[in-house]
N, C-alpha and C. Protein backbone atom coordinates (compact mmCIF):
# COMPACT_ATOMS: atom_id res chain seq x y z
N UNK A 1 -55.29 39.00 15.47
CA UNK A 1 -55.03 37.90 16.41
C UNK A 1 -54.22 38.34 17.67
N UNK A 2 -53.37 39.29 17.43
CA UNK A 2 -52.69 39.87 18.52
C UNK A 2 -53.65 40.56 19.76
N UNK A 3 -54.50 41.43 19.20
CA UNK A 3 -55.38 42.12 20.09
C UNK A 3 -56.42 41.16 20.62
N UNK A 4 -56.65 40.11 19.92
CA UNK A 4 -57.44 38.96 20.80
C UNK A 4 -56.84 38.34 21.64
N UNK A 5 -55.55 38.11 21.79
CA UNK A 5 -54.73 37.35 22.56
C UNK A 5 -54.37 38.41 23.84
N UNK A 6 -54.29 39.68 23.66
CA UNK A 6 -54.06 40.53 24.67
C UNK A 6 -55.28 40.65 25.32
N UNK A 7 -56.37 40.75 24.75
CA UNK A 7 -57.80 40.77 25.48
C UNK A 7 -58.11 39.63 26.33
N UNK A 8 -57.76 38.57 25.75
CA UNK A 8 -58.13 37.31 26.61
C UNK A 8 -56.96 37.33 27.75
N UNK A 9 -55.81 37.54 27.59
CA UNK A 9 -54.72 37.56 28.61
C UNK A 9 -55.08 38.51 29.77
N UNK A 10 -55.64 39.69 29.31
CA UNK A 10 -55.99 40.80 30.29
C UNK A 10 -57.21 40.27 31.27
N UNK A 11 -58.20 39.54 30.53
CA UNK A 11 -59.29 38.83 31.17
C UNK A 11 -58.81 37.77 32.32
N UNK A 12 -57.86 37.15 31.77
CA UNK A 12 -57.36 35.95 32.69
C UNK A 12 -56.71 36.69 33.94
N UNK A 13 -55.87 37.91 33.71
CA UNK A 13 -55.12 38.40 34.83
C UNK A 13 -56.04 39.18 35.80
N UNK A 14 -57.20 39.74 35.15
CA UNK A 14 -57.94 40.77 36.00
C UNK A 14 -59.14 39.78 36.78
N UNK A 15 -59.65 38.83 35.82
CA UNK A 15 -60.78 38.01 36.59
C UNK A 15 -60.31 36.83 37.36
N UNK A 16 -59.00 36.50 37.31
CA UNK A 16 -58.53 35.17 38.14
C UNK A 16 -58.59 35.20 39.50
N UNK A 17 -59.20 34.25 40.11
CA UNK A 17 -59.48 34.02 41.46
C UNK A 17 -58.91 32.86 42.24
N UNK A 18 -58.16 32.01 41.26
CA UNK A 18 -57.64 30.97 42.04
C UNK A 18 -56.27 31.19 42.44
N UNK A 19 -55.69 30.19 43.30
CA UNK A 19 -54.32 30.30 43.95
C UNK A 19 -53.52 29.42 43.26
N UNK A 20 -53.85 28.43 42.55
CA UNK A 20 -53.01 27.58 41.86
C UNK A 20 -53.25 27.40 40.43
N UNK A 21 -52.40 26.91 39.67
CA UNK A 21 -52.55 26.95 38.12
C UNK A 21 -54.00 26.03 37.84
N UNK A 22 -54.47 26.51 36.77
CA UNK A 22 -55.65 25.66 36.30
C UNK A 22 -55.32 24.32 35.91
N UNK A 23 -55.98 23.14 36.13
CA UNK A 23 -55.68 21.92 35.57
C UNK A 23 -56.71 21.53 34.42
N UNK A 24 -56.03 21.17 33.43
CA UNK A 24 -57.10 21.05 32.35
C UNK A 24 -56.52 19.53 31.66
N UNK A 25 -57.54 18.82 31.51
CA UNK A 25 -57.15 17.26 30.79
C UNK A 25 -57.45 17.62 29.63
N UNK A 26 -56.60 16.97 28.78
CA UNK A 26 -56.70 16.77 27.12
C UNK A 26 -57.11 15.44 27.01
N UNK A 27 -58.20 15.15 26.35
CA UNK A 27 -58.70 13.85 26.11
C UNK A 27 -58.63 13.69 24.64
N UNK A 28 -57.91 12.76 24.14
CA UNK A 28 -57.59 12.36 22.68
C UNK A 28 -57.09 11.11 22.23
N UNK A 29 -56.48 11.20 20.97
CA UNK A 29 -55.81 9.85 20.46
C UNK A 29 -54.36 10.30 20.37
N UNK A 30 -53.84 9.73 19.32
CA UNK A 30 -52.34 9.84 19.22
C UNK A 30 -51.84 11.34 18.93
N UNK A 31 -52.66 12.17 18.21
CA UNK A 31 -52.50 13.52 18.25
C UNK A 31 -52.22 14.18 19.46
N UNK A 32 -53.05 13.72 20.49
CA UNK A 32 -52.91 14.16 22.00
C UNK A 32 -51.50 13.46 22.51
N UNK A 33 -51.50 12.13 22.43
CA UNK A 33 -50.53 11.34 23.09
C UNK A 33 -49.26 11.79 22.61
N UNK A 34 -49.01 12.30 21.41
CA UNK A 34 -47.69 13.01 20.86
C UNK A 34 -46.71 11.67 20.24
N UNK A 35 -47.70 10.96 19.54
CA UNK A 35 -46.95 9.66 18.81
C UNK A 35 -45.90 10.25 17.91
N UNK A 36 -44.86 9.36 17.84
CA UNK A 36 -43.63 9.88 17.07
C UNK A 36 -42.92 10.96 17.44
N UNK A 37 -43.12 11.76 18.32
CA UNK A 37 -42.49 13.13 18.61
C UNK A 37 -41.50 12.90 20.01
N UNK A 38 -40.34 13.46 20.02
CA UNK A 38 -39.52 13.66 21.12
C UNK A 38 -40.42 14.11 22.31
N UNK A 39 -40.03 13.55 23.77
CA UNK A 39 -40.77 14.15 24.85
C UNK A 39 -40.48 15.78 24.83
N UNK A 40 -41.60 16.31 25.18
CA UNK A 40 -41.76 17.69 25.05
C UNK A 40 -42.34 18.34 24.04
N UNK A 41 -42.22 17.57 22.85
CA UNK A 41 -42.75 18.32 21.58
C UNK A 41 -43.96 17.94 20.96
N UNK A 42 -44.87 17.12 21.96
CA UNK A 42 -46.36 16.93 21.39
C UNK A 42 -47.01 18.01 21.81
N UNK A 43 -48.41 17.91 21.45
CA UNK A 43 -49.48 18.79 21.54
C UNK A 43 -49.60 19.38 22.95
N UNK A 44 -49.55 18.28 23.83
CA UNK A 44 -49.79 18.75 25.34
C UNK A 44 -48.74 19.77 25.89
N UNK A 45 -47.53 19.34 25.77
CA UNK A 45 -46.61 20.08 26.46
C UNK A 45 -46.41 21.51 25.59
N UNK A 46 -46.59 21.33 24.50
CA UNK A 46 -46.51 22.61 23.41
C UNK A 46 -47.60 23.55 23.82
N UNK A 47 -48.77 22.99 24.15
CA UNK A 47 -49.86 23.81 24.13
C UNK A 47 -49.78 24.30 25.75
N UNK A 48 -49.36 23.62 26.69
CA UNK A 48 -49.09 24.03 28.09
C UNK A 48 -48.13 25.28 28.15
N UNK A 49 -47.38 24.98 27.45
CA UNK A 49 -46.05 26.29 27.32
C UNK A 49 -46.95 27.42 26.81
N UNK A 50 -47.59 27.27 25.69
CA UNK A 50 -48.03 28.43 24.94
C UNK A 50 -49.11 29.12 25.73
N UNK A 51 -50.01 28.52 26.53
CA UNK A 51 -50.78 29.08 27.40
C UNK A 51 -50.25 29.67 28.60
N UNK A 52 -49.16 29.00 28.87
CA UNK A 52 -48.35 29.83 30.28
C UNK A 52 -47.97 31.20 29.62
N UNK A 53 -47.36 30.92 28.49
CA UNK A 53 -46.50 32.15 28.04
C UNK A 53 -47.50 33.32 27.46
N UNK A 54 -48.92 33.07 27.27
CA UNK A 54 -49.99 33.95 27.06
C UNK A 54 -50.89 34.34 28.08
N UNK A 55 -50.44 33.94 29.38
CA UNK A 55 -51.19 34.72 30.38
C UNK A 55 -52.03 33.66 31.33
N UNK A 56 -52.17 32.44 30.76
CA UNK A 56 -53.07 31.46 31.56
C UNK A 56 -52.05 30.30 32.07
N UNK A 57 -51.91 30.58 33.57
CA UNK A 57 -51.05 29.45 34.43
C UNK A 57 -51.89 28.39 34.30
N UNK A 58 -51.35 27.45 33.72
CA UNK A 58 -52.21 26.05 33.56
C UNK A 58 -51.08 24.89 33.36
N UNK A 59 -51.69 23.93 34.08
CA UNK A 59 -51.02 22.49 33.93
C UNK A 59 -51.99 21.59 32.92
N UNK A 60 -51.48 20.97 31.96
CA UNK A 60 -52.50 20.19 31.18
C UNK A 60 -51.87 18.77 31.66
N UNK A 61 -53.08 17.90 31.61
CA UNK A 61 -52.83 16.38 31.68
C UNK A 61 -52.97 15.70 30.59
N UNK A 62 -52.11 14.83 30.07
CA UNK A 62 -52.06 14.01 28.77
C UNK A 62 -53.03 12.93 29.12
N UNK A 63 -54.31 12.94 28.53
CA UNK A 63 -55.08 11.72 28.44
C UNK A 63 -55.48 11.26 26.92
N UNK A 64 -54.09 11.35 26.23
CA UNK A 64 -54.23 10.80 24.93
C UNK A 64 -53.88 9.22 24.72
N UNK A 65 -54.54 8.40 23.92
CA UNK A 65 -54.38 7.22 23.64
C UNK A 65 -54.29 6.81 22.22
N UNK A 66 -53.11 6.57 21.72
CA UNK A 66 -53.01 6.22 20.49
C UNK A 66 -54.05 5.29 19.71
N UNK A 67 -54.48 5.55 18.68
CA UNK A 67 -55.55 4.70 18.17
C UNK A 67 -56.89 4.87 18.57
N UNK A 68 -57.08 5.65 19.52
CA UNK A 68 -58.38 5.68 20.15
C UNK A 68 -59.42 6.41 19.30
N UNK A 69 -60.57 5.89 19.39
CA UNK A 69 -61.45 6.44 18.29
C UNK A 69 -62.56 7.26 19.53
N UNK A 70 -63.80 7.90 18.93
CA UNK A 70 -64.67 8.45 19.94
C UNK A 70 -65.13 7.55 20.69
N UNK A 71 -65.48 6.38 20.38
CA UNK A 71 -66.10 5.25 21.50
C UNK A 71 -65.00 5.07 22.55
N UNK A 72 -63.78 4.94 22.20
CA UNK A 72 -62.94 4.65 23.38
C UNK A 72 -62.77 6.04 24.27
N UNK A 73 -62.99 7.06 23.65
CA UNK A 73 -62.94 8.24 24.63
C UNK A 73 -64.04 8.47 25.45
N UNK A 74 -65.31 7.86 24.81
CA UNK A 74 -66.36 7.93 25.68
C UNK A 74 -66.52 7.01 26.85
N UNK A 75 -65.72 6.01 26.26
CA UNK A 75 -65.87 4.85 27.50
C UNK A 75 -64.95 5.07 28.79
N UNK A 76 -63.87 5.90 28.45
CA UNK A 76 -62.97 6.45 29.60
C UNK A 76 -63.26 7.84 29.85
N UNK A 77 -64.15 8.38 29.45
CA UNK A 77 -64.39 9.95 29.90
C UNK A 77 -64.63 9.89 31.39
N UNK A 78 -65.50 9.13 31.97
CA UNK A 78 -66.07 9.41 33.49
C UNK A 78 -64.66 9.21 34.32
N UNK A 79 -63.75 8.17 34.21
CA UNK A 79 -62.66 7.98 35.05
C UNK A 79 -61.52 8.87 34.83
N UNK A 80 -61.49 9.38 33.26
CA UNK A 80 -60.30 10.35 33.11
C UNK A 80 -60.85 11.73 33.75
N UNK A 81 -61.94 11.89 34.06
CA UNK A 81 -62.34 13.06 34.81
C UNK A 81 -62.92 12.83 36.40
N UNK A 82 -62.21 11.75 36.79
CA UNK A 82 -62.60 11.51 38.26
C UNK A 82 -61.90 12.19 39.22
N UNK A 83 -60.79 12.78 38.61
CA UNK A 83 -60.09 13.78 39.67
C UNK A 83 -60.36 15.39 39.46
N UNK A 84 -61.67 15.57 38.70
CA UNK A 84 -62.31 16.87 38.85
C UNK A 84 -61.53 18.03 38.23
N UNK A 85 -60.85 17.64 36.99
CA UNK A 85 -59.93 18.92 36.46
C UNK A 85 -60.94 20.12 36.28
N UNK A 86 -60.09 21.39 36.37
CA UNK A 86 -60.93 22.69 36.01
C UNK A 86 -61.49 22.62 34.52
N UNK A 87 -60.93 21.78 33.57
CA UNK A 87 -61.45 22.07 32.33
C UNK A 87 -61.04 20.82 31.51
N UNK A 88 -61.52 20.64 30.24
CA UNK A 88 -61.41 19.44 29.38
C UNK A 88 -61.25 19.93 28.06
N UNK A 89 -60.02 19.38 27.39
CA UNK A 89 -60.09 19.69 25.89
C UNK A 89 -60.32 18.29 25.13
N UNK A 90 -61.17 18.24 24.24
CA UNK A 90 -61.35 17.01 23.66
C UNK A 90 -61.11 17.11 22.09
N UNK A 91 -60.10 16.19 21.69
CA UNK A 91 -59.47 16.17 20.31
C UNK A 91 -59.63 14.64 20.04
N UNK A 92 -60.82 14.35 19.34
CA UNK A 92 -61.00 13.07 18.98
C UNK A 92 -61.84 12.91 17.68
N UNK A 93 -61.97 11.81 17.05
CA UNK A 93 -62.51 11.61 15.58
C UNK A 93 -61.58 11.50 14.65
N UNK A 94 -60.32 11.58 14.40
CA UNK A 94 -59.38 11.12 13.40
C UNK A 94 -59.36 9.69 13.14
N UNK A 95 -59.45 9.03 13.98
CA UNK A 95 -59.63 7.45 13.84
C UNK A 95 -60.71 6.95 13.16
N UNK A 96 -61.74 7.83 13.91
CA UNK A 96 -63.10 7.29 13.33
C UNK A 96 -63.36 7.64 11.58
N UNK A 97 -62.41 8.54 11.15
CA UNK A 97 -62.67 8.72 9.93
C UNK A 97 -61.61 7.98 8.99
N UNK A 98 -60.41 7.59 9.68
CA UNK A 98 -59.66 6.70 8.95
C UNK A 98 -60.28 5.40 8.82
N UNK A 99 -61.24 4.90 9.78
CA UNK A 99 -61.86 3.67 9.69
C UNK A 99 -63.27 3.85 8.87
N UNK A 100 -63.43 5.15 8.32
CA UNK A 100 -64.56 5.17 7.93
C UNK A 100 -65.88 4.85 8.56
N UNK A 101 -65.76 5.07 9.77
CA UNK A 101 -67.06 4.95 10.77
C UNK A 101 -68.19 5.93 10.59
N UNK A 102 -69.26 5.63 10.83
CA UNK A 102 -70.37 6.42 10.76
C UNK A 102 -70.35 7.68 11.44
N UNK A 103 -70.55 8.89 10.95
CA UNK A 103 -70.55 10.08 11.53
C UNK A 103 -71.55 10.13 12.83
N UNK A 104 -72.73 9.41 12.61
CA UNK A 104 -73.76 9.41 13.61
C UNK A 104 -73.05 8.72 14.86
N UNK A 105 -72.36 7.79 14.86
CA UNK A 105 -71.65 6.97 15.88
C UNK A 105 -70.71 7.90 16.53
N UNK A 106 -69.91 8.73 15.72
CA UNK A 106 -69.05 9.72 16.31
C UNK A 106 -69.69 10.66 16.98
N UNK A 107 -70.79 11.00 16.47
CA UNK A 107 -71.65 12.16 17.21
C UNK A 107 -72.23 11.69 18.42
N UNK A 108 -72.70 10.58 18.60
CA UNK A 108 -73.19 9.85 20.00
C UNK A 108 -72.17 9.98 20.86
N UNK A 109 -70.94 9.34 20.45
CA UNK A 109 -70.07 9.25 21.37
C UNK A 109 -69.42 10.63 21.96
N UNK A 110 -69.03 11.48 21.11
CA UNK A 110 -68.70 12.86 21.62
C UNK A 110 -69.70 13.50 22.36
N UNK A 111 -71.13 13.12 22.07
CA UNK A 111 -72.12 13.60 23.09
C UNK A 111 -72.14 13.04 24.51
N UNK A 112 -71.79 11.71 24.52
CA UNK A 112 -71.48 11.16 25.88
C UNK A 112 -70.48 11.82 26.60
N UNK A 113 -69.28 12.01 25.94
CA UNK A 113 -68.24 12.97 26.61
C UNK A 113 -68.59 14.53 27.19
N UNK A 114 -69.32 15.18 26.25
CA UNK A 114 -69.72 16.27 26.42
C UNK A 114 -70.74 16.35 27.85
N UNK A 115 -71.52 15.25 27.58
CA UNK A 115 -72.74 15.00 28.79
C UNK A 115 -71.85 14.80 30.25
N UNK A 116 -70.86 13.85 29.93
CA UNK A 116 -70.15 13.63 31.28
C UNK A 116 -69.50 14.53 31.78
N UNK A 117 -68.83 15.70 31.03
CA UNK A 117 -68.22 17.07 31.45
C UNK A 117 -69.11 17.83 32.08
N UNK A 118 -70.43 17.89 31.42
CA UNK A 118 -71.23 18.89 31.89
C UNK A 118 -71.96 18.41 33.01
N UNK A 119 -72.17 17.41 33.32
CA UNK A 119 -72.49 16.59 34.67
C UNK A 119 -71.76 16.90 35.80
N UNK A 120 -70.54 17.18 35.53
CA UNK A 120 -69.63 17.49 36.64
C UNK A 120 -69.05 19.08 36.54
N UNK A 121 -69.91 19.87 35.95
CA UNK A 121 -69.59 21.40 35.84
C UNK A 121 -68.44 21.45 35.26
N UNK A 122 -67.68 20.66 34.29
CA UNK A 122 -66.56 20.91 33.71
C UNK A 122 -66.52 21.68 32.34
N UNK A 123 -66.02 22.81 32.14
CA UNK A 123 -65.82 23.49 30.92
C UNK A 123 -65.27 22.86 29.71
N UNK A 124 -65.62 22.82 28.64
CA UNK A 124 -64.82 22.13 27.71
C UNK A 124 -64.60 22.89 26.21
N UNK A 125 -63.31 22.72 25.77
CA UNK A 125 -62.87 23.07 24.33
C UNK A 125 -63.02 21.81 23.68
N UNK A 126 -63.78 21.97 22.42
CA UNK A 126 -63.98 20.86 21.71
C UNK A 126 -63.21 21.26 20.43
N UNK A 127 -62.29 20.40 19.87
CA UNK A 127 -61.14 20.46 18.88
C UNK A 127 -62.12 19.88 17.58
N UNK A 128 -62.20 20.34 16.51
CA UNK A 128 -62.91 19.51 15.50
C UNK A 128 -61.95 18.95 14.57
N UNK A 129 -62.35 18.11 13.81
CA UNK A 129 -61.53 17.32 12.55
C UNK A 129 -62.53 17.54 11.40
N UNK A 130 -61.56 17.85 10.22
CA UNK A 130 -62.30 17.82 8.96
C UNK A 130 -62.03 16.59 8.33
N UNK A 131 -63.23 15.98 7.77
CA UNK A 131 -63.14 14.73 7.10
C UNK A 131 -62.69 14.99 5.71
N UNK A 132 -61.94 13.85 5.06
CA UNK A 132 -61.34 14.05 3.76
C UNK A 132 -62.62 13.80 2.88
N UNK A 133 -62.14 14.20 1.31
CA UNK A 133 -63.35 14.40 0.51
C UNK A 133 -63.60 12.79 -0.17
N UNK A 134 -62.69 12.03 0.21
CA UNK A 134 -62.68 10.70 -0.50
C UNK A 134 -63.84 9.69 0.02
N UNK A 135 -64.44 10.17 0.97
CA UNK A 135 -65.68 9.11 1.57
C UNK A 135 -67.04 9.90 0.89
N UNK A 136 -66.96 11.01 0.17
CA UNK A 136 -68.05 11.45 -0.71
C UNK A 136 -68.44 12.80 0.22
N UNK A 137 -69.17 13.74 -0.39
CA UNK A 137 -69.63 14.91 0.10
C UNK A 137 -70.76 14.83 1.38
N UNK A 138 -71.32 13.63 1.16
CA UNK A 138 -72.69 13.51 2.34
C UNK A 138 -71.69 13.20 3.52
N UNK A 139 -70.60 12.26 3.53
CA UNK A 139 -70.14 11.89 4.70
C UNK A 139 -69.37 12.96 5.14
N UNK A 140 -68.54 13.85 4.29
CA UNK A 140 -67.88 15.12 4.79
C UNK A 140 -68.79 15.97 5.43
N UNK A 141 -69.92 16.26 4.84
CA UNK A 141 -70.93 17.36 5.42
C UNK A 141 -71.30 16.79 6.68
N UNK A 142 -71.69 15.44 7.09
CA UNK A 142 -72.19 15.02 8.13
C UNK A 142 -71.18 15.14 9.34
N UNK A 143 -69.85 14.75 8.79
CA UNK A 143 -68.90 14.49 9.89
C UNK A 143 -68.41 16.02 10.30
N UNK A 144 -68.14 16.91 9.34
CA UNK A 144 -67.71 18.24 9.55
C UNK A 144 -68.83 19.06 10.63
N UNK A 145 -70.10 18.39 10.49
CA UNK A 145 -71.04 19.36 11.10
C UNK A 145 -71.13 19.08 12.70
N UNK A 146 -70.49 17.77 12.91
CA UNK A 146 -70.64 17.43 14.38
C UNK A 146 -70.17 18.36 15.36
N UNK A 147 -68.96 18.92 14.90
CA UNK A 147 -68.36 19.79 16.02
C UNK A 147 -69.04 20.88 16.35
N UNK A 148 -69.34 21.81 15.38
CA UNK A 148 -69.93 23.24 15.57
C UNK A 148 -71.32 22.84 16.32
N UNK A 149 -72.05 21.88 15.70
CA UNK A 149 -73.53 21.59 16.20
C UNK A 149 -73.35 21.42 17.89
N UNK A 150 -72.48 20.29 18.22
CA UNK A 150 -72.32 19.95 19.55
C UNK A 150 -71.74 21.14 20.38
N UNK A 151 -70.78 21.88 20.14
CA UNK A 151 -70.31 22.88 20.85
C UNK A 151 -71.48 23.87 21.11
N UNK A 152 -72.25 23.97 20.01
CA UNK A 152 -73.23 25.07 20.33
C UNK A 152 -74.45 24.44 21.26
N UNK A 153 -74.65 23.21 21.02
CA UNK A 153 -75.78 22.48 21.95
C UNK A 153 -75.17 22.46 23.36
N UNK A 154 -73.80 22.28 23.59
CA UNK A 154 -73.47 22.01 25.12
C UNK A 154 -72.56 23.15 25.70
N UNK A 155 -72.53 24.22 24.95
CA UNK A 155 -71.95 25.50 25.25
C UNK A 155 -70.34 25.33 25.35
N UNK A 156 -69.86 24.75 24.62
CA UNK A 156 -68.43 24.18 24.70
C UNK A 156 -67.63 25.44 23.88
N UNK A 157 -66.54 25.55 24.26
CA UNK A 157 -65.59 26.55 23.19
C UNK A 157 -65.38 25.50 22.06
N UNK A 158 -65.33 26.43 20.91
CA UNK A 158 -64.86 25.37 19.79
C UNK A 158 -63.79 25.96 18.99
N UNK A 159 -62.96 25.04 18.46
CA UNK A 159 -61.82 25.22 17.67
C UNK A 159 -62.06 24.21 16.60
N UNK A 160 -62.37 24.73 15.36
CA UNK A 160 -63.11 23.93 14.30
C UNK A 160 -62.10 22.78 13.64
N UNK A 161 -60.74 23.18 13.57
CA UNK A 161 -60.00 22.27 12.87
C UNK A 161 -58.66 21.92 13.66
N UNK A 162 -58.40 20.83 13.88
CA UNK A 162 -57.04 20.47 14.49
C UNK A 162 -55.90 20.80 13.77
N UNK A 163 -56.17 20.88 12.53
CA UNK A 163 -54.88 20.84 11.57
C UNK A 163 -55.02 22.33 10.96
N UNK A 164 -55.71 23.33 11.59
CA UNK A 164 -55.72 24.78 10.88
C UNK A 164 -54.46 25.33 10.88
N UNK A 165 -53.47 25.19 11.86
CA UNK A 165 -52.32 25.72 11.60
C UNK A 165 -51.59 25.50 10.62
N UNK A 166 -51.30 24.18 10.38
CA UNK A 166 -50.69 23.64 9.22
C UNK A 166 -51.28 24.01 7.80
N UNK A 167 -52.63 23.86 7.89
CA UNK A 167 -53.38 24.32 6.45
C UNK A 167 -52.95 26.01 6.10
N UNK A 168 -53.00 26.53 7.18
CA UNK A 168 -52.81 28.07 6.92
C UNK A 168 -51.31 28.24 6.29
N UNK A 169 -50.47 27.72 7.06
CA UNK A 169 -49.00 27.91 6.84
C UNK A 169 -48.63 27.17 5.50
N UNK A 170 -49.47 26.25 5.00
CA UNK A 170 -49.07 25.43 3.72
C UNK A 170 -50.04 26.23 2.78
N UNK A 171 -50.92 27.08 2.92
CA UNK A 171 -51.73 27.71 2.01
C UNK A 171 -52.74 26.68 1.60
N UNK A 172 -53.20 25.71 2.53
CA UNK A 172 -53.95 24.53 1.97
C UNK A 172 -53.67 23.71 1.04
N UNK A 173 -52.42 23.65 0.69
CA UNK A 173 -51.66 22.97 -0.38
C UNK A 173 -51.10 21.53 0.37
N UNK A 174 -51.76 20.44 0.04
CA UNK A 174 -51.32 19.10 0.64
C UNK A 174 -49.94 18.89 0.52
N UNK A 175 -49.21 19.27 -0.60
CA UNK A 175 -47.96 19.07 -0.97
C UNK A 175 -47.10 19.66 -0.03
N UNK A 176 -47.33 20.97 0.27
CA UNK A 176 -46.76 21.98 1.15
C UNK A 176 -46.63 21.69 2.44
N UNK A 177 -47.97 20.90 2.84
CA UNK A 177 -48.09 20.57 4.27
C UNK A 177 -47.35 19.45 4.64
N UNK A 178 -46.88 18.74 3.64
CA UNK A 178 -45.95 17.64 4.03
C UNK A 178 -44.59 18.09 4.89
N UNK A 179 -44.15 19.30 4.60
CA UNK A 179 -42.99 19.92 5.56
C UNK A 179 -43.31 19.73 6.84
N UNK A 180 -44.70 19.67 7.27
CA UNK A 180 -44.98 19.79 8.69
C UNK A 180 -45.39 18.50 9.17
N UNK A 181 -45.41 17.30 8.52
CA UNK A 181 -46.01 16.08 8.75
C UNK A 181 -44.75 15.01 8.94
N UNK A 182 -45.15 14.09 9.66
CA UNK A 182 -44.10 13.01 9.76
C UNK A 182 -44.33 12.03 8.67
N UNK A 183 -43.36 11.03 8.49
CA UNK A 183 -43.32 10.21 7.20
C UNK A 183 -44.71 9.54 6.90
N UNK A 184 -45.42 9.30 7.85
CA UNK A 184 -46.64 8.59 7.84
C UNK A 184 -47.75 9.61 7.17
N UNK A 185 -47.47 10.70 6.92
CA UNK A 185 -48.53 11.66 6.50
C UNK A 185 -49.82 11.83 7.12
N UNK A 186 -49.88 11.55 8.58
CA UNK A 186 -50.91 11.44 9.32
C UNK A 186 -50.68 12.38 10.46
N UNK A 187 -49.45 12.13 11.11
CA UNK A 187 -49.22 13.05 12.43
C UNK A 187 -48.26 13.96 12.10
N UNK A 188 -48.65 15.33 12.76
CA UNK A 188 -47.70 16.31 12.65
C UNK A 188 -46.28 16.13 13.27
N UNK A 189 -45.22 16.59 12.58
CA UNK A 189 -43.98 16.75 13.27
C UNK A 189 -44.02 17.84 14.38
N UNK A 190 -42.85 18.17 15.02
CA UNK A 190 -42.83 19.07 16.10
C UNK A 190 -43.13 20.60 15.43
N UNK A 191 -42.65 20.96 14.32
CA UNK A 191 -42.90 22.11 13.56
C UNK A 191 -44.34 22.22 13.52
N UNK A 192 -45.06 21.21 12.74
CA UNK A 192 -46.40 21.03 12.54
C UNK A 192 -47.26 21.24 13.97
N UNK A 193 -46.84 20.65 15.00
CA UNK A 193 -47.62 20.71 16.28
C UNK A 193 -47.69 22.28 16.87
N UNK A 194 -46.40 22.79 16.53
CA UNK A 194 -46.27 24.14 16.84
C UNK A 194 -47.07 25.00 16.21
N UNK A 195 -47.51 24.86 14.91
CA UNK A 195 -48.30 25.61 14.14
C UNK A 195 -49.70 25.34 14.41
N UNK A 196 -50.13 24.03 14.81
CA UNK A 196 -51.47 24.01 15.20
C UNK A 196 -51.73 24.48 16.45
N UNK A 197 -50.73 24.32 17.47
CA UNK A 197 -50.95 24.85 18.81
C UNK A 197 -51.19 26.47 18.78
N UNK A 198 -50.51 27.14 17.91
CA UNK A 198 -50.73 28.51 17.79
C UNK A 198 -52.14 28.85 17.32
N UNK A 199 -52.78 27.96 16.28
CA UNK A 199 -54.12 28.07 16.05
C UNK A 199 -54.96 27.76 17.25
N UNK A 200 -54.65 26.75 17.98
CA UNK A 200 -55.67 26.30 19.14
C UNK A 200 -55.74 27.22 20.09
N UNK A 201 -54.37 27.89 20.35
CA UNK A 201 -54.10 28.83 21.52
C UNK A 201 -55.18 29.81 21.90
N UNK A 202 -55.73 30.61 20.96
CA UNK A 202 -56.79 31.42 21.34
C UNK A 202 -57.98 30.90 21.98
N UNK A 203 -58.48 29.87 21.53
CA UNK A 203 -59.60 29.11 21.99
C UNK A 203 -59.10 28.42 23.53
N UNK A 204 -58.02 28.00 23.63
CA UNK A 204 -57.55 27.31 24.85
C UNK A 204 -57.58 28.59 26.03
N UNK A 205 -57.16 29.88 25.39
CA UNK A 205 -57.37 31.10 26.56
C UNK A 205 -58.75 31.25 26.75
N UNK A 206 -59.58 31.11 25.67
CA UNK A 206 -61.09 31.52 25.91
C UNK A 206 -61.63 30.30 26.89
N UNK A 207 -61.09 29.28 26.79
CA UNK A 207 -61.71 27.98 27.84
C UNK A 207 -61.08 28.55 29.19
N UNK A 208 -59.99 29.03 29.13
CA UNK A 208 -59.25 29.46 30.61
C UNK A 208 -60.14 30.67 31.19
N UNK A 209 -60.46 31.44 30.41
CA UNK A 209 -61.27 32.72 30.85
C UNK A 209 -62.58 32.22 31.40
N UNK A 210 -63.20 31.18 30.52
CA UNK A 210 -64.58 30.67 30.97
C UNK A 210 -64.60 30.10 32.37
N UNK A 211 -63.22 29.40 32.76
CA UNK A 211 -63.27 28.77 33.88
C UNK A 211 -62.96 29.75 35.04
N UNK A 212 -62.60 30.99 34.59
CA UNK A 212 -62.09 31.85 35.73
C UNK A 212 -63.51 32.67 36.20
N UNK A 213 -64.52 32.70 35.27
CA UNK A 213 -65.45 33.52 35.63
C UNK A 213 -66.29 33.19 36.84
């Protein structure tokens, strides 16, 4: 991991040609908005700090709306990108799962977002979600496949699991993971966000490096 970060940081420093910090918009739901967290402890401010500390001078714009589904994200994608940011991070799908919405609909909505970004020449980091098993194996298989397949199709950087940091720290034990979650067992607390940010970080640096090319 350290070698990967060092290499990405080197690429940023040696390949950077911009005079100002990168502007990257983070489009998402409550996980992006920072639901239940003190100001400065949500995913966006923590990830911005992490990126700057690891060689990518970046300003992240919070475009998170609590309760948003992939459909909501698709509807507001065009005007969210109207200020032409350098990059886009997409974290959506959690509310689709909570409502049991069809994976095919989520795929179509995320496709619209990626197409909108592609039309403007905006590089994308797509952060995946993992469906729970209680909807059955077919639902999980169809939902989990959305993110890697779309990232491959549209040339987006992929981070496969928004909760990977917590899962690793908890040893994939749901009971142990509660230490990093808020009381609703849905949203990470500040410690959980920090773990997830550290896991997302290398992919975010990869996005920044691709913008600098």
